[in-house]
């Protein structure tokens, strides 16, 4: 199958990143979200990202206007009928994702693969609300999507070997490799990362050390590019909280209980980079 046109559902940070990566690699993109306001913000974010991309990739001949023009911004889900592959990036909320898949399953061709871009929600559960469970697969992209060469791919209970091979070919066209893991809550990356971030939030809450020093320990002692709390700010504290809550609900294990400080920050709108302030300030 040729991946001429890709459908991207959800125009938040991850959706915009996936759309940009697809457009940069020559694909036409249908980027769908529920409101013009969200799409207008996506256009602004994409223009800013493309300016940075062009600045750091001088001499490649990349034209940001041509890349931008490959993306069709729309609230009309029916346009997904022309997609050859779907990447869904809706919020980490099962009720939202369920509605999305029930809707797009009726629109998209039966042979098209659905890739669930999620950090914690069960791929098998998503597949259960579609008519194509064998063609549903997890694709946990990392942020910022255009700069990350590896994707965590998740095999659901019904995911076929053919779907995994299709996913590999699709990602290869984006210039990415993948590691295939099994479908358990949090998979590999977030089952470890969310615990780390949550425990770091407890350290701040308990007055053990400020956020800056916690992150410096990881960057200076372990040569990590970013500390856990800076990583949380990049991902978005609301997304972090939802992921931890999914793990807590799925495993019924107290080690996944969200730090009260994290819950308080999300309630206060301190979401990290996208709000200008989280564990660090970006104003």
C-alpha atoms as a PDB file:
ATOM      1  CA  UNK A   1       0.000   0.000   0.000  1.00  0.00           C
ATOM      2  CA  UNK A   2       1.172   3.518  -0.808  1.00  0.00           C
ATOM      3  CA  UNK A   3       0.914   6.071   1.983  1.00  0.00           C
ATOM      4  CA  UNK A   4       0.130   9.077  -0.199  1.00  0.00           C
ATOM      5  CA  UNK A   5      -2.316  10.668   2.237  1.00  0.00           C
ATOM      6  CA  UNK A   6      -2.264  10.292   6.013  1.00  0.00           C
ATOM      7  CA  UNK A   7      -5.023  11.241   8.379  1.00  0.00           C
ATOM      8  CA  UNK A   8      -3.966  12.788  11.687  1.00  0.00           C
ATOM      9  CA  UNK A   9      -6.697  13.057  14.313  1.00  0.00           C
ATOM     10  CA  UNK A  10      -6.049  15.595  17.057  1.00  0.00           C
ATOM     11  CA  UNK A  11      -4.230  18.893  16.486  1.00  0.00           C
ATOM     12  CA  UNK A  12      -2.516  19.272  19.840  1.00  0.00           C
ATOM     13  CA  UNK A  13       1.239  19.226  20.375  1.00  0.00           C
ATOM     14  CA  UNK A  14       1.677  15.615  19.267  1.00  0.00           C
ATOM     15  CA  UNK A  15      -0.745  15.848  16.358  1.00  0.00           C
ATOM     16  CA  UNK A  16       1.006  18.920  14.976  1.00  0.00           C
ATOM     17  CA  UNK A  17       4.363  17.174  15.340  1.00  0.00           C
ATOM     18  CA  UNK A  18       3.162  14.078  13.506  1.00  0.00           C
ATOM     19  CA  UNK A  19       1.588  16.204  10.758  1.00  0.00           C
ATOM     20  CA  UNK A  20       4.808  18.189  10.329  1.00  0.00           C
ATOM     21  CA  UNK A  21       6.918  15.033  10.130  1.00  0.00           C
ATOM     22  CA  UNK A  22       4.582  13.571   7.511  1.00  0.00           C
ATOM     23  CA  UNK A  23       4.559  16.746   5.421  1.00  0.00           C
ATOM     24  CA  UNK A  24       8.347  17.064   5.609  1.00  0.00           C
ATOM     25  CA  UNK A  25       8.640  13.565   4.159  1.00  0.00           C
ATOM     26  CA  UNK A  26       6.378  14.338   1.206  1.00  0.00           C
ATOM     27  CA  UNK A  27       2.988  13.123   2.423  1.00  0.00           C
ATOM     28  CA  UNK A  28      -0.307  14.928   2.110  1.00  0.00           C
ATOM     29  CA  UNK A  29      -1.914  15.265   5.541  1.00  0.00           C
ATOM     30  CA  UNK A  30      -5.529  15.666   6.630  1.00  0.00           C
ATOM     31  CA  UNK A  31      -5.294  17.139  10.144  1.00  0.00           C
ATOM     32  CA  UNK A  32      -8.647  16.920  11.940  1.00  0.00           C
ATOM     33  CA  UNK A  33      -9.838  18.427  15.198  1.00  0.00           C
ATOM     34  CA  UNK A  34     -13.153  19.450  16.686  1.00  0.00           C
ATOM     35  CA  UNK A  35     -12.900  23.256  16.543  1.00  0.00           C
ATOM     36  CA  UNK A  36     -11.512  26.026  14.375  1.00  0.00           C
ATOM     37  CA  UNK A  37      -9.914  27.532  17.481  1.00  0.00           C
ATOM     38  CA  UNK A  38      -7.787  24.423  18.021  1.00  0.00           C
ATOM     39  CA  UNK A  39      -6.858  24.343  14.342  1.00  0.00           C
ATOM     40  CA  UNK A  40      -5.884  28.044  14.349  1.00  0.00           C
ATOM     41  CA  UNK A  41      -3.567  27.365  17.266  1.00  0.00           C
ATOM     42  CA  UNK A  42      -2.174  24.354  15.388  1.00  0.00           C
ATOM     43  CA  UNK A  43      -1.393  26.563  12.397  1.00  0.00           C
ATOM     44  CA  UNK A  44       0.521  28.995  14.625  1.00  0.00           C
ATOM     45  CA  UNK A  45       2.444  26.188  16.299  1.00  0.00           C
ATOM     46  CA  UNK A  46       3.294  24.641  12.950  1.00  0.00           C
ATOM     47  CA  UNK A  47       4.559  27.916  11.492  1.00  0.00           C
ATOM     48  CA  UNK A  48       6.787  28.461  14.528  1.00  0.00           C
ATOM     49  CA  UNK A  49       8.091  24.910  14.341  1.00  0.00           C
ATOM     50  CA  UNK A  50       8.784  25.153  10.620  1.00  0.00           C
ATOM     51  CA  UNK A  51      10.746  28.378  11.117  1.00  0.00           C
ATOM     52  CA  UNK A  52      12.923  26.598  13.655  1.00  0.00           C
ATOM     53  CA  UNK A  53      13.235  23.561  11.375  1.00  0.00           C
ATOM     54  CA  UNK A  54      14.359  25.720   8.454  1.00  0.00           C
ATOM     55  CA  UNK A  55      16.838  27.609  10.647  1.00  0.00           C
ATOM     56  CA  UNK A  56      18.499  24.398  11.829  1.00  0.00           C
ATOM     57  CA  UNK A  57      18.381  22.711   8.417  1.00  0.00           C
ATOM     58  CA  UNK A  58      19.869  25.343   6.144  1.00  0.00           C
ATOM     59  CA  UNK A  59      21.133  24.008   2.856  1.00  0.00           C
ATOM     60  CA  UNK A  60      18.591  21.176   2.650  1.00  0.00           C
ATOM     61  CA  UNK A  61      16.347  23.111   0.275  1.00  0.00           C
ATOM     62  CA  UNK A  62      13.365  22.663   2.567  1.00  0.00           C
ATOM     63  CA  UNK A  63      10.667  25.239   1.857  1.00  0.00           C
ATOM     64  CA  UNK A  64       8.452  25.809   4.920  1.00  0.00           C
ATOM     65  CA  UNK A  65       5.604  27.083   2.754  1.00  0.00           C
ATOM     66  CA  UNK A  66       5.586  23.888   0.676  1.00  0.00           C
ATOM     67  CA  UNK A  67       5.605  21.781   3.843  1.00  0.00           C
ATOM     68  CA  UNK A  68       2.779  23.836   5.358  1.00  0.00           C
ATOM     69  CA  UNK A  69       0.694  23.564   2.178  1.00  0.00           C
ATOM     70  CA  UNK A  70       0.785  19.769   2.334  1.00  0.00           C
ATOM     71  CA  UNK A  71      -1.361  19.886   5.484  1.00  0.00           C
ATOM     72  CA  UNK A  72      -5.136  20.249   5.185  1.00  0.00           C
ATOM     73  CA  UNK A  73      -6.619  21.647   8.410  1.00  0.00           C
ATOM     74  CA  UNK A  74     -10.242  20.683   8.891  1.00  0.00           C
ATOM     75  CA  UNK A  75     -13.057  19.933  11.330  1.00  0.00           C
ATOM     76  CA  UNK A  76     -14.680  17.624   8.760  1.00  0.00           C
ATOM     77  CA  UNK A  77     -13.973  14.020   9.745  1.00  0.00           C
ATOM     78  CA  UNK A  78     -15.417  12.841   6.418  1.00  0.00           C
ATOM     79  CA  UNK A  79     -12.215  13.977   4.688  1.00  0.00           C
ATOM     80  CA  UNK A  80     -10.445  11.081   6.383  1.00  0.00           C
ATOM     81  CA  UNK A  81     -12.079   8.857   3.764  1.00  0.00           C
ATOM     82  CA  UNK A  82      -9.112   9.561   1.467  1.00  0.00           C
ATOM     83  CA  UNK A  83      -6.469   8.584   4.061  1.00  0.00           C
ATOM     84  CA  UNK A  84      -4.153   5.615   3.507  1.00  0.00           C
ATOM     85  CA  UNK A  85      -3.078   5.505   7.167  1.00  0.00           C
ATOM     86  CA  UNK A  86      -4.473   7.057  10.346  1.00  0.00           C
ATOM     87  CA  UNK A  87      -2.558   8.375  13.354  1.00  0.00           C
ATOM     88  CA  UNK A  88      -4.840   9.311  16.248  1.00  0.00           C
ATOM     89  CA  UNK A  89      -3.604  11.760  18.899  1.00  0.00           C
ATOM     90  CA  UNK A  90      -6.686  12.592  20.958  1.00  0.00           C
ATOM     91  CA  UNK A  91      -6.359  13.371  24.641  1.00  0.00           C
ATOM     92  CA  UNK A  92      -5.470  10.539  27.050  1.00  0.00           C
ATOM     93  CA  UNK A  93      -9.098  10.011  28.026  1.00  0.00           C
ATOM     94  CA  UNK A  94     -10.822   6.738  27.189  1.00  0.00           C
ATOM     95  CA  UNK A  95     -14.263   8.310  26.740  1.00  0.00           C
ATOM     96  CA  UNK A  96     -12.828  10.725  24.149  1.00  0.00           C
ATOM     97  CA  UNK A  97     -10.850   8.068  22.296  1.00  0.00           C
ATOM     98  CA  UNK A  98     -13.812   5.701  22.199  1.00  0.00           C
ATOM     99  CA  UNK A  99     -15.976   8.316  20.486  1.00  0.00           C
ATOM    100  CA  UNK A 100     -13.201   9.127  18.005  1.00  0.00           C
ATOM    101  CA  UNK A 101     -12.740   5.496  16.923  1.00  0.00           C
ATOM    102  CA  UNK A 102     -16.429   4.749  16.664  1.00  0.00           C
ATOM    103  CA  UNK A 103     -16.704   7.795  14.415  1.00  0.00           C
ATOM    104  CA  UNK A 104     -13.696   7.283  12.146  1.00  0.00           C
ATOM    105  CA  UNK A 105     -14.264   3.522  11.808  1.00  0.00           C
ATOM    106  CA  UNK A 106     -17.367   4.279   9.754  1.00  0.00           C
ATOM    107  CA  UNK A 107     -15.518   6.726   7.502  1.00  0.00           C
ATOM    108  CA  UNK A 108     -12.072   5.275   6.803  1.00  0.00           C
ATOM    109  CA  UNK A 109     -11.553   2.432   4.306  1.00  0.00           C
ATOM    110  CA  UNK A 110     -11.613  -1.048   5.946  1.00  0.00           C
ATOM    111  CA  UNK A 111      -8.054  -1.849   4.799  1.00  0.00           C
ATOM    112  CA  UNK A 112      -6.520   1.220   6.497  1.00  0.00           C
ATOM    113  CA  UNK A 113      -4.487   0.805   9.687  1.00  0.00           C
ATOM    114  CA  UNK A 114      -5.328   2.829  12.799  1.00  0.00           C
ATOM    115  CA  UNK A 115      -2.264   3.876  14.828  1.00  0.00           C
ATOM    116  CA  UNK A 116      -3.095   4.885  18.404  1.00  0.00           C
ATOM    117  CA  UNK A 117      -0.637   7.529  19.615  1.00  0.00           C
ATOM    118  CA  UNK A 118      -1.011   6.997  23.336  1.00  0.00           C
ATOM    119  CA  UNK A 119       1.247   6.779  26.343  1.00  0.00           C
ATOM    120  CA  UNK A 120      -0.872   4.466  28.487  1.00  0.00           C
ATOM    121  CA  UNK A 121      -4.299   3.479  27.080  1.00  0.00           C
ATOM    122  CA  UNK A 122      -4.747  -0.163  26.054  1.00  0.00           C
ATOM    123  CA  UNK A 123      -4.477  -0.804  22.317  1.00  0.00           C
ATOM    124  CA  UNK A 124      -6.639  -3.909  22.696  1.00  0.00           C
ATOM    125  CA  UNK A 125      -9.369  -1.804  24.305  1.00  0.00           C
ATOM    126  CA  UNK A 126      -9.256   0.700  21.440  1.00  0.00           C
ATOM    127  CA  UNK A 127      -9.406  -2.098  18.869  1.00  0.00           C
ATOM    128  CA  UNK A 128     -12.513  -3.528  20.541  1.00  0.00           C
ATOM    129  CA  UNK A 129     -14.661  -0.573  19.450  1.00  0.00           C
ATOM    130  CA  UNK A 130     -13.676  -0.872  15.785  1.00  0.00           C
ATOM    131  CA  UNK A 131     -14.599  -3.280  13.002  1.00  0.00           C
ATOM    132  CA  UNK A 132     -10.874  -3.843  12.265  1.00  0.00           C
ATOM    133  CA  UNK A 133      -9.178  -5.006  15.505  1.00  0.00           C
ATOM    134  CA  UNK A 134      -6.381  -6.697  13.565  1.00  0.00           C
ATOM    135  CA  UNK A 135      -5.506  -3.375  11.929  1.00  0.00           C
ATOM    136  CA  UNK A 136      -5.189  -1.381  15.158  1.00  0.00           C
ATOM    137  CA  UNK A 137      -1.700  -0.802  16.552  1.00  0.00           C
ATOM    138  CA  UNK A 138      -0.092   1.490  19.088  1.00  0.00           C
ATOM    139  CA  UNK A 139       2.418   4.138  18.003  1.00  0.00           C
ATOM    140  CA  UNK A 140       3.859   6.037  20.935  1.00  0.00           C
ATOM    141  CA  UNK A 141       5.666   8.965  19.295  1.00  0.00           C
ATOM    142  CA  UNK A 142       8.086  11.027  21.363  1.00  0.00           C
ATOM    143  CA  UNK A 143       8.074  14.823  21.560  1.00  0.00           C
ATOM    144  CA  UNK A 144       9.206  16.718  19.500  1.00  0.00           C
ATOM    145  CA  UNK A 145       8.092  14.224  16.871  1.00  0.00           C
ATOM    146  CA  UNK A 146      10.166  15.447  13.871  1.00  0.00           C
ATOM    147  CA  UNK A 147      13.400  15.185  15.880  1.00  0.00           C
ATOM    148  CA  UNK A 148      12.942  11.751  17.468  1.00  0.00           C
ATOM    149  CA  UNK A 149      14.155   8.790  15.374  1.00  0.00           C
ATOM    150  CA  UNK A 150      12.523   6.019  17.420  1.00  0.00           C
ATOM    151  CA  UNK A 151       8.873   5.112  18.057  1.00  0.00           C
ATOM    152  CA  UNK A 152       7.519   2.666  20.626  1.00  0.00           C
ATOM    153  CA  UNK A 153       5.102   0.431  18.713  1.00  0.00           C
ATOM    154  CA  UNK A 154       2.564  -1.594  20.677  1.00  0.00           C
ATOM    155  CA  UNK A 155       1.079  -4.901  19.567  1.00  0.00           C
ATOM    156  CA  UNK A 156      -2.533  -5.289  20.694  1.00  0.00           C
ATOM    157  CA  UNK A 157      -4.093  -8.699  21.299  1.00  0.00           C
ATOM    158  CA  UNK A 158      -5.569  -8.807  17.777  1.00  0.00           C
ATOM    159  CA  UNK A 159      -2.854  -6.860  15.920  1.00  0.00           C
ATOM    160  CA  UNK A 160      -1.719  -8.964  12.948  1.00  0.00           C
ATOM    161  CA  UNK A 161       1.869  -9.451  11.747  1.00  0.00           C
ATOM    162  CA  UNK A 162       0.824  -7.746   8.511  1.00  0.00           C
ATOM    163  CA  UNK A 163      -0.258  -4.664  10.452  1.00  0.00           C
ATOM    164  CA  UNK A 164       3.074  -4.553  12.269  1.00  0.00           C
ATOM    165  CA  UNK A 165       4.894  -4.729   8.937  1.00  0.00           C
ATOM    166  CA  UNK A 166       2.664  -1.963   7.527  1.00  0.00           C
ATOM    167  CA  UNK A 167       3.469   0.164  10.570  1.00  0.00           C
ATOM    168  CA  UNK A 168       7.205  -0.414  10.074  1.00  0.00           C
ATOM    169  CA  UNK A 169       6.967   0.687   6.431  1.00  0.00           C
ATOM    170  CA  UNK A 170       4.931   3.747   7.366  1.00  0.00           C
ATOM    171  CA  UNK A 171       7.444   4.816  10.019  1.00  0.00           C
ATOM    172  CA  UNK A 172      10.350   4.184   7.659  1.00  0.00           C
ATOM    173  CA  UNK A 173       8.816   6.723   5.278  1.00  0.00           C
ATOM    174  CA  UNK A 174       8.943   9.205   8.178  1.00  0.00           C
ATOM    175  CA  UNK A 175      12.628   8.395   8.714  1.00  0.00           C
ATOM    176  CA  UNK A 176      11.952   6.463  11.910  1.00  0.00           C
ATOM    177  CA  UNK A 177      12.751   3.070  13.366  1.00  0.00           C
ATOM    178  CA  UNK A 178      10.580   1.303  15.928  1.00  0.00           C
ATOM    179  CA  UNK A 179      10.697  -1.110  18.836  1.00  0.00           C
ATOM    180  CA  UNK A 180       7.680  -3.412  19.188  1.00  0.00           C
ATOM    181  CA  UNK A 181       6.409  -4.138  22.710  1.00  0.00           C
ATOM    182  CA  UNK A 182       3.374  -5.857  24.181  1.00  0.00           C
ATOM    183  CA  UNK A 183       0.130  -4.179  25.205  1.00  0.00           C
ATOM    184  CA  UNK A 184       0.271  -3.536  28.951  1.00  0.00           C
ATOM    185  CA  UNK A 185      -0.632  -0.217  30.609  1.00  0.00           C
ATOM    186  CA  UNK A 186       2.158   2.301  30.127  1.00  0.00           C
ATOM    187  CA  UNK A 187       4.011  -0.106  27.819  1.00  0.00           C
ATOM    188  CA  UNK A 188       7.774   0.222  28.507  1.00  0.00           C
ATOM    189  CA  UNK A 189       8.558   3.930  28.271  1.00  0.00           C
ATOM    190  CA  UNK A 190       5.771   5.372  30.387  1.00  0.00           C
ATOM    191  CA  UNK A 191       5.572   2.569  32.902  1.00  0.00           C
ATOM    192  CA  UNK A 192       9.087   3.667  33.890  1.00  0.00           C
ATOM    193  CA  UNK A 193       9.009   7.390  33.018  1.00  0.00           C
ATOM    194  CA  UNK A 194       5.728   8.253  34.741  1.00  0.00           C
ATOM    195  CA  UNK A 195       6.878   6.669  37.977  1.00  0.00           C
ATOM    196  CA  UNK A 196      10.114   8.660  37.766  1.00  0.00           C
ATOM    197  CA  UNK A 197       8.334  11.950  37.130  1.00  0.00           C
ATOM    198  CA  UNK A 198       5.735  11.281  39.808  1.00  0.00           C
ATOM    199  CA  UNK A 199       8.404  10.435  42.383  1.00  0.00           C
ATOM    200  CA  UNK A 200      10.321  13.595  41.439  1.00  0.00           C
ATOM    201  CA  UNK A 201       7.121  15.579  42.058  1.00  0.00           C
ATOM    202  CA  UNK A 202       6.888  13.970  45.508  1.00  0.00           C
ATOM    203  CA  UNK A 203      10.487  15.090  46.173  1.00  0.00           C
ATOM    204  CA  UNK A 204       9.552  18.706  45.394  1.00  0.00           C
ATOM    205  CA  UNK A 205       6.363  18.397  47.460  1.00  0.00           C
ATOM    206  CA  UNK A 206       8.268  16.957  50.441  1.00  0.00           C
ATOM    207  CA  UNK A 207      10.915  19.693  50.312  1.00  0.00           C
ATOM    208  CA  UNK A 208      13.790  17.287  49.625  1.00  0.00           C
ATOM    209  CA  UNK A 209      15.136  19.496  46.816  1.00  0.00           C
ATOM    210  CA  UNK A 210      13.858  22.153  44.398  1.00  0.00           C
ATOM    211  CA  UNK A 211      12.985  21.168  40.837  1.00  0.00           C
ATOM    212  CA  UNK A 212      16.147  22.756  39.408  1.00  0.00           C
ATOM    213  CA  UNK A 213      18.411  20.661  41.617  1.00  0.00           C
ATOM    214  CA  UNK A 214      16.502  17.433  40.994  1.00  0.00           C
ATOM    215  CA  UNK A 215      16.882  17.911  37.257  1.00  0.00           C
ATOM    216  CA  UNK A 216      20.579  18.856  37.596  1.00  0.00           C
ATOM    217  CA  UNK A 217      21.285  15.576  39.365  1.00  0.00           C
ATOM    218  CA  UNK A 218      19.982  13.678  36.350  1.00  0.00           C
ATOM    219  CA  UNK A 219      21.668  15.861  33.728  1.00  0.00           C
ATOM    220  CA  UNK A 220      25.004  16.193  35.530  1.00  0.00           C
ATOM    221  CA  UNK A 221      25.337  12.822  37.251  1.00  0.00           C
ATOM    222  CA  UNK A 222      23.723  10.562  34.649  1.00  0.00           C
ATOM    223  CA  UNK A 223      24.287  12.605  31.463  1.00  0.00           C
ATOM    224  CA  UNK A 224      20.553  12.738  30.728  1.00  0.00           C
ATOM    225  CA  UNK A 225      19.703  15.475  28.245  1.00  0.00           C
ATOM    226  CA  UNK A 226      16.806  16.576  30.428  1.00  0.00           C
ATOM    227  CA  UNK A 227      15.815  15.978  34.016  1.00  0.00           C
ATOM    228  CA  UNK A 228      12.491  14.300  34.874  1.00  0.00           C
ATOM    229  CA  UNK A 229      10.678  17.510  35.795  1.00  0.00           C
ATOM    230  CA  UNK A 230      11.864  19.388  32.707  1.00  0.00           C
ATOM    231  CA  UNK A 231      10.677  16.380  30.708  1.00  0.00           C
ATOM    232  CA  UNK A 232       7.313  16.608  32.457  1.00  0.00           C
ATOM    233  CA  UNK A 233       7.045  20.279  31.517  1.00  0.00           C
ATOM    234  CA  UNK A 234       7.811  19.425  27.896  1.00  0.00           C
ATOM    235  CA  UNK A 235       5.169  16.690  27.731  1.00  0.00           C
ATOM    236  CA  UNK A 236       2.570  18.723  29.655  1.00  0.00           C
ATOM    237  CA  UNK A 237       1.636  18.141  33.290  1.00  0.00           C
ATOM    238  CA  UNK A 238      -1.994  17.484  32.367  1.00  0.00           C
ATOM    239  CA  UNK A 239      -0.885  14.662  30.080  1.00  0.00           C
ATOM    240  CA  UNK A 240       1.447  13.347  32.777  1.00  0.00           C
ATOM    241  CA  UNK A 241      -1.371  13.312  35.327  1.00  0.00           C
ATOM    242  CA  UNK A 242      -3.781  11.512  33.000  1.00  0.00           C
ATOM    243  CA  UNK A 243      -1.148   8.884  32.194  1.00  0.00           C
ATOM    244  CA  UNK A 244      -0.408   8.248  35.867  1.00  0.00           C
ATOM    245  CA  UNK A 245      -4.131   8.010  36.618  1.00  0.00           C
ATOM    246  CA  UNK A 246      -4.501   5.391  33.861  1.00  0.00           C
ATOM    247  CA  UNK A 247      -1.653   3.377  35.401  1.00  0.00           C
ATOM    248  CA  UNK A 248      -3.173   3.709  38.871  1.00  0.00           C
ATOM    249  CA  UNK A 249      -6.574   2.568  37.621  1.00  0.00           C
ATOM    250  CA  UNK A 250      -5.120  -0.269  35.534  1.00  0.00           C
ATOM    251  CA  UNK A 251      -2.811  -1.840  38.113  1.00  0.00           C
ATOM    252  CA  UNK A 252      -4.646  -0.863  41.331  1.00  0.00           C
ATOM    253  CA  UNK A 253      -1.205  -0.402  42.843  1.00  0.00           C
ATOM    254  CA  UNK A 254      -0.517   2.451  45.261  1.00  0.00           C
ATOM    255  CA  UNK A 255       2.917   3.064  43.763  1.00  0.00           C
ATOM    256  CA  UNK A 256       1.127   4.781  40.864  1.00  0.00           C
ATOM    257  CA  UNK A 257      -0.851   7.199  43.052  1.00  0.00           C
ATOM    258  CA  UNK A 258      -0.454  10.727  41.618  1.00  0.00           C
ATOM    259  CA  UNK A 259       1.505  13.193  43.726  1.00  0.00           C
ATOM    260  CA  UNK A 260      -0.894  15.738  45.296  1.00  0.00           C
ATOM    261  CA  UNK A 261       1.432  18.525  44.128  1.00  0.00           C
ATOM    262  CA  UNK A 262       1.070  17.361  40.523  1.00  0.00           C
ATOM    263  CA  UNK A 263      -2.724  17.346  40.819  1.00  0.00           C
ATOM    264  CA  UNK A 264      -2.670  20.809  42.379  1.00  0.00           C
ATOM    265  CA  UNK A 265      -0.449  22.235  39.624  1.00  0.00           C
ATOM    266  CA  UNK A 266      -2.718  20.878  36.892  1.00  0.00           C
ATOM    267  CA  UNK A 267      -5.771  22.325  38.645  1.00  0.00           C
ATOM    268  CA  UNK A 268      -3.964  25.687  38.783  1.00  0.00           C
ATOM    269  CA  UNK A 269      -3.215  25.605  35.058  1.00  0.00           C
ATOM    270  CA  UNK A 270       0.541  25.185  35.548  1.00  0.00           C
ATOM    271  CA  UNK A 271       0.960  22.727  32.704  1.00  0.00           C
ATOM    272  CA  UNK A 272       4.588  23.267  31.713  1.00  0.00           C
ATOM    273  CA  UNK A 273       5.928  24.772  28.511  1.00  0.00           C
ATOM    274  CA  UNK A 274       2.542  25.116  26.830  1.00  0.00           C
ATOM    275  CA  UNK A 275       1.197  27.314  29.640  1.00  0.00           C
ATOM    276  CA  UNK A 276       4.479  29.139  30.299  1.00  0.00           C
ATOM    277  CA  UNK A 277       4.994  27.692  33.761  1.00  0.00           C
ATOM    278  CA  UNK A 278       5.243  24.272  35.363  1.00  0.00           C
ATOM    279  CA  UNK A 279       8.043  22.958  37.538  1.00  0.00           C
ATOM    280  CA  UNK A 280      10.158  25.558  35.692  1.00  0.00           C
ATOM    281  CA  UNK A 281       9.248  28.960  34.251  1.00  0.00           C
ATOM    282  CA  UNK A 282       9.197  29.576  30.475  1.00  0.00           C
ATOM    283  CA  UNK A 283       7.943  33.158  30.444  1.00  0.00           C
END
